[in-house]
Amino acid sequence: MQKTQDIRIEEFDYPLPDERIAKYPLKRRDASKLLLYRQEGIAEYRFTDITRLLPEHSLLVFNNTRVIQARMHFRKETGALIEVFCL
């Protein structure tokens, strides 16, 4: 695992065309894309496929949290103030 001070924000920058960003949910939510990663790579499915993709006795945990704007302040051991602003 990388140490926090070794992480460079530039490593997380990539081109993402605006038309590839889902701004609204689909009318049929179960038609949403579902990406599955296995050793051979990533495969694309629909959410309706989930019951045949999950192993027997799997546990599903539903998350109904919302994204909010937030501003967090932290203080380093050196005394420097760090501000994280999430949109």
N, C-alpha and C. Protein backbone atom coordinates (compact mmCIF):
# COMPACT_ATOMS: atom_id res chain seq x y z
N MET A 1 0.84 -1.18 0.00
CA MET A 1 0.00 0.00 0.00
C MET A 1 0.88 1.24 0.00
N GLN A 2 0.47 2.23 -0.78
CA GLN A 2 1.23 3.47 -0.86
C GLN A 2 1.02 4.31 0.39
N LYS A 3 2.05 5.02 0.77
CA LYS A 3 1.90 6.00 1.84
C LYS A 3 1.20 7.21 1.26
N THR A 4 0.40 7.87 2.09
CA THR A 4 -0.37 9.01 1.62
C THR A 4 0.52 10.07 0.98
N GLN A 5 1.67 10.33 1.55
CA GLN A 5 2.54 11.38 1.00
C GLN A 5 3.12 10.98 -0.35
N ASP A 6 3.02 9.70 -0.74
CA ASP A 6 3.54 9.24 -2.03
C ASP A 6 2.49 9.27 -3.14
N ILE A 7 1.25 9.58 -2.81
CA ILE A 7 0.18 9.61 -3.80
C ILE A 7 0.19 10.94 -4.53
N ARG A 8 0.18 10.88 -5.84
CA ARG A 8 0.17 12.10 -6.66
C ARG A 8 -1.20 12.23 -7.32
N ILE A 9 -1.84 13.36 -7.15
CA ILE A 9 -3.18 13.58 -7.70
C ILE A 9 -3.20 13.45 -9.22
N GLU A 10 -2.10 13.71 -9.88
CA GLU A 10 -2.02 13.59 -11.33
C GLU A 10 -2.28 12.16 -11.80
N GLU A 11 -2.01 11.18 -10.94
CA GLU A 11 -2.22 9.79 -11.30
C GLU A 11 -3.71 9.46 -11.43
N PHE A 12 -4.57 10.31 -10.92
CA PHE A 12 -6.00 10.06 -10.94
C PHE A 12 -6.73 10.93 -11.96
N ASP A 13 -6.00 11.61 -12.80
CA ASP A 13 -6.58 12.48 -13.81
C ASP A 13 -6.69 11.70 -15.12
N TYR A 14 -7.86 11.74 -15.72
CA TYR A 14 -8.05 11.06 -17.00
C TYR A 14 -9.15 11.79 -17.77
N PRO A 15 -9.15 11.68 -19.09
CA PRO A 15 -10.19 12.35 -19.88
C PRO A 15 -11.52 11.63 -19.71
N LEU A 16 -12.57 12.39 -19.42
CA LEU A 16 -13.91 11.83 -19.29
C LEU A 16 -14.88 12.76 -20.01
N PRO A 17 -15.28 12.37 -21.22
CA PRO A 17 -16.19 13.22 -21.98
C PRO A 17 -17.51 13.41 -21.23
N ASP A 18 -18.07 14.59 -21.30
CA ASP A 18 -19.29 14.93 -20.59
C ASP A 18 -20.44 13.98 -20.94
N GLU A 19 -20.50 13.53 -22.20
CA GLU A 19 -21.59 12.65 -22.61
C GLU A 19 -21.49 11.25 -22.00
N ARG A 20 -20.36 10.92 -21.38
CA ARG A 20 -20.18 9.61 -20.74
C ARG A 20 -20.57 9.62 -19.26
N ILE A 21 -20.98 10.78 -18.75
CA ILE A 21 -21.35 10.90 -17.35
C ILE A 21 -22.86 10.77 -17.21
N ALA A 22 -23.31 9.82 -16.39
CA ALA A 22 -24.75 9.64 -16.16
C ALA A 22 -25.23 10.76 -15.23
N LYS A 23 -26.08 11.59 -15.76
CA LYS A 23 -26.58 12.72 -14.97
C LYS A 23 -27.91 12.42 -14.30
N TYR A 24 -28.66 11.47 -14.87
CA TYR A 24 -29.97 11.10 -14.34
C TYR A 24 -30.10 9.59 -14.39
N PRO A 25 -30.85 9.01 -13.46
CA PRO A 25 -31.04 7.55 -13.49
C PRO A 25 -31.90 7.14 -14.68
N LEU A 26 -31.74 5.91 -15.11
CA LEU A 26 -32.56 5.38 -16.19
C LEU A 26 -34.00 5.22 -15.70
N LYS A 27 -34.95 5.26 -16.63
CA LYS A 27 -36.35 5.03 -16.24
C LYS A 27 -36.51 3.64 -15.67
N ARG A 28 -35.85 2.67 -16.30
CA ARG A 28 -35.83 1.30 -15.76
C ARG A 28 -34.48 1.12 -15.07
N ARG A 29 -34.48 1.28 -13.76
CA ARG A 29 -33.22 1.24 -13.01
C ARG A 29 -32.48 -0.09 -13.16
N ASP A 30 -33.22 -1.20 -13.33
CA ASP A 30 -32.57 -2.50 -13.47
C ASP A 30 -31.89 -2.66 -14.83
N ALA A 31 -32.02 -1.68 -15.71
CA ALA A 31 -31.31 -1.70 -17.00
C ALA A 31 -29.94 -1.02 -16.90
N SER A 32 -29.59 -0.56 -15.70
CA SER A 32 -28.30 0.10 -15.49
C SER A 32 -27.15 -0.87 -15.77
N LYS A 33 -26.03 -0.31 -16.20
CA LYS A 33 -24.85 -1.13 -16.46
C LYS A 33 -24.28 -1.67 -15.15
N LEU A 34 -23.71 -2.84 -15.25
CA LEU A 34 -23.06 -3.49 -14.11
C LEU A 34 -21.72 -4.01 -14.61
N LEU A 35 -20.64 -3.53 -14.03
CA LEU A 35 -19.31 -3.98 -14.43
C LEU A 35 -18.84 -5.05 -13.45
N LEU A 36 -18.31 -6.13 -13.99
CA LEU A 36 -17.84 -7.24 -13.16
C LEU A 36 -16.36 -7.47 -13.46
N TYR A 37 -15.55 -7.44 -12.42
CA TYR A 37 -14.12 -7.70 -12.57
C TYR A 37 -13.80 -9.11 -12.11
N ARG A 38 -13.16 -9.84 -12.96
CA ARG A 38 -12.62 -11.17 -12.63
C ARG A 38 -11.18 -11.18 -13.11
N GLN A 39 -10.48 -12.23 -12.83
CA GLN A 39 -9.06 -12.32 -13.17
C GLN A 39 -8.79 -12.03 -14.65
N GLU A 40 -9.71 -12.42 -15.50
CA GLU A 40 -9.48 -12.21 -16.94
C GLU A 40 -9.82 -10.81 -17.41
N GLY A 41 -10.36 -9.99 -16.53
CA GLY A 41 -10.63 -8.60 -16.89
C GLY A 41 -12.01 -8.14 -16.47
N ILE A 42 -12.46 -7.07 -17.10
CA ILE A 42 -13.75 -6.46 -16.78
C ILE A 42 -14.75 -6.82 -17.86
N ALA A 43 -15.94 -7.26 -17.42
CA ALA A 43 -17.02 -7.58 -18.34
C ALA A 43 -18.22 -6.70 -18.01
N GLU A 44 -18.99 -6.36 -19.03
CA GLU A 44 -20.15 -5.50 -18.85
C GLU A 44 -21.44 -6.31 -18.88
N TYR A 45 -22.29 -6.08 -17.90
CA TYR A 45 -23.59 -6.72 -17.80
C TYR A 45 -24.64 -5.66 -17.53
N ARG A 46 -25.86 -6.09 -17.33
CA ARG A 46 -26.95 -5.23 -16.88
C ARG A 46 -27.29 -5.66 -15.45
N PHE A 47 -27.87 -4.74 -14.69
CA PHE A 47 -28.18 -5.06 -13.30
C PHE A 47 -29.16 -6.23 -13.19
N THR A 48 -29.96 -6.44 -14.21
CA THR A 48 -30.89 -7.58 -14.20
C THR A 48 -30.14 -8.91 -14.15
N ASP A 49 -28.87 -8.93 -14.49
CA ASP A 49 -28.06 -10.15 -14.48
C ASP A 49 -27.51 -10.49 -13.09
N ILE A 50 -27.71 -9.64 -12.12
CA ILE A 50 -27.01 -9.77 -10.84
C ILE A 50 -27.28 -11.10 -10.14
N THR A 51 -28.50 -11.63 -10.24
CA THR A 51 -28.81 -12.87 -9.52
C THR A 51 -28.01 -14.06 -10.06
N ARG A 52 -27.71 -14.06 -11.34
CA ARG A 52 -26.91 -15.18 -11.87
C ARG A 52 -25.40 -14.95 -11.72
N LEU A 53 -25.00 -13.72 -11.39
CA LEU A 53 -23.58 -13.42 -11.23
C LEU A 53 -23.09 -13.60 -9.79
N LEU A 54 -23.99 -13.46 -8.83
CA LEU A 54 -23.59 -13.59 -7.42
C LEU A 54 -23.48 -15.05 -7.00
N PRO A 55 -22.45 -15.38 -6.25
CA PRO A 55 -22.35 -16.75 -5.73
C PRO A 55 -23.50 -17.04 -4.76
N GLU A 56 -23.83 -18.29 -4.61
CA GLU A 56 -24.87 -18.70 -3.67
C GLU A 56 -24.54 -18.22 -2.26
N HIS A 57 -25.53 -17.84 -1.50
CA HIS A 57 -25.42 -17.36 -0.12
C HIS A 57 -24.69 -16.02 -0.02
N SER A 58 -24.71 -15.24 -1.09
CA SER A 58 -24.11 -13.91 -1.04
C SER A 58 -24.98 -12.97 -0.22
N LEU A 59 -24.37 -11.96 0.32
CA LEU A 59 -25.07 -10.94 1.09
C LEU A 59 -25.03 -9.63 0.33
N LEU A 60 -26.18 -9.04 0.10
CA LEU A 60 -26.26 -7.73 -0.54
C LEU A 60 -26.54 -6.69 0.54
N VAL A 61 -25.77 -5.61 0.51
CA VAL A 61 -25.97 -4.51 1.44
C VAL A 61 -26.37 -3.31 0.60
N PHE A 62 -27.53 -2.74 0.90
CA PHE A 62 -28.02 -1.60 0.14
C PHE A 62 -27.61 -0.30 0.82
N ASN A 63 -27.18 0.64 0.02
CA ASN A 63 -26.67 1.91 0.50
C ASN A 63 -27.52 3.02 -0.10
N ASN A 64 -28.21 3.78 0.75
CA ASN A 64 -29.04 4.85 0.23
C ASN A 64 -28.48 6.23 0.59
N THR A 65 -27.16 6.31 0.73
CA THR A 65 -26.54 7.59 1.07
C THR A 65 -26.60 8.53 -0.12
N ARG A 66 -26.45 9.80 0.15
CA ARG A 66 -26.45 10.83 -0.88
C ARG A 66 -25.10 11.54 -0.86
N VAL A 67 -24.70 12.06 -2.00
CA VAL A 67 -23.49 12.84 -2.09
C VAL A 67 -23.84 14.29 -1.75
N ILE A 68 -23.07 14.89 -0.87
CA ILE A 68 -23.31 16.28 -0.50
C ILE A 68 -22.04 17.08 -0.70
N GLN A 69 -22.19 18.36 -0.82
CA GLN A 69 -21.00 19.21 -0.86
C GLN A 69 -20.44 19.26 0.55
N ALA A 70 -19.13 19.19 0.66
CA ALA A 70 -18.52 19.19 1.99
C ALA A 70 -17.16 19.87 1.94
N ARG A 71 -16.82 20.50 3.04
CA ARG A 71 -15.50 21.11 3.20
C ARG A 71 -14.93 20.56 4.52
N MET A 72 -13.76 19.93 4.41
CA MET A 72 -13.14 19.33 5.59
C MET A 72 -11.79 19.99 5.83
N HIS A 73 -11.48 20.23 7.08
CA HIS A 73 -10.19 20.83 7.45
C HIS A 73 -9.42 19.84 8.31
N PHE A 74 -8.16 19.70 8.02
CA PHE A 74 -7.26 18.83 8.78
C PHE A 74 -6.00 19.62 9.12
N ARG A 75 -5.34 19.24 10.17
CA ARG A 75 -4.09 19.88 10.53
C ARG A 75 -3.01 18.80 10.59
N LYS A 76 -1.93 19.02 9.83
CA LYS A 76 -0.80 18.09 9.83
C LYS A 76 0.00 18.26 11.10
N GLU A 77 0.84 17.29 11.38
CA GLU A 77 1.70 17.35 12.56
C GLU A 77 2.63 18.56 12.50
N THR A 78 2.91 19.03 11.30
CA THR A 78 3.79 20.19 11.13
C THR A 78 3.07 21.50 11.43
N GLY A 79 1.73 21.43 11.60
CA GLY A 79 0.95 22.61 11.85
C GLY A 79 0.26 23.15 10.61
N ALA A 80 0.61 22.62 9.45
CA ALA A 80 -0.01 23.08 8.20
C ALA A 80 -1.48 22.68 8.15
N LEU A 81 -2.29 23.58 7.63
CA LEU A 81 -3.73 23.34 7.51
C LEU A 81 -4.02 22.77 6.12
N ILE A 82 -4.79 21.70 6.07
CA ILE A 82 -5.19 21.06 4.81
C ILE A 82 -6.69 21.20 4.70
N GLU A 83 -7.15 21.67 3.54
CA GLU A 83 -8.57 21.79 3.29
C GLU A 83 -8.95 20.89 2.12
N VAL A 84 -9.99 20.08 2.30
CA VAL A 84 -10.51 19.24 1.24
C VAL A 84 -11.92 19.72 0.95
N PHE A 85 -12.17 20.11 -0.29
CA PHE A 85 -13.48 20.61 -0.70
C PHE A 85 -14.07 19.64 -1.69
N CYS A 86 -15.16 19.00 -1.34
CA CYS A 86 -15.81 18.00 -2.19
C CYS A 86 -17.07 18.57 -2.80
N LEU A 87 -17.18 18.46 -4.10
CA LEU A 87 -18.39 18.95 -4.78
C LEU A 87 -19.29 17.80 -5.16
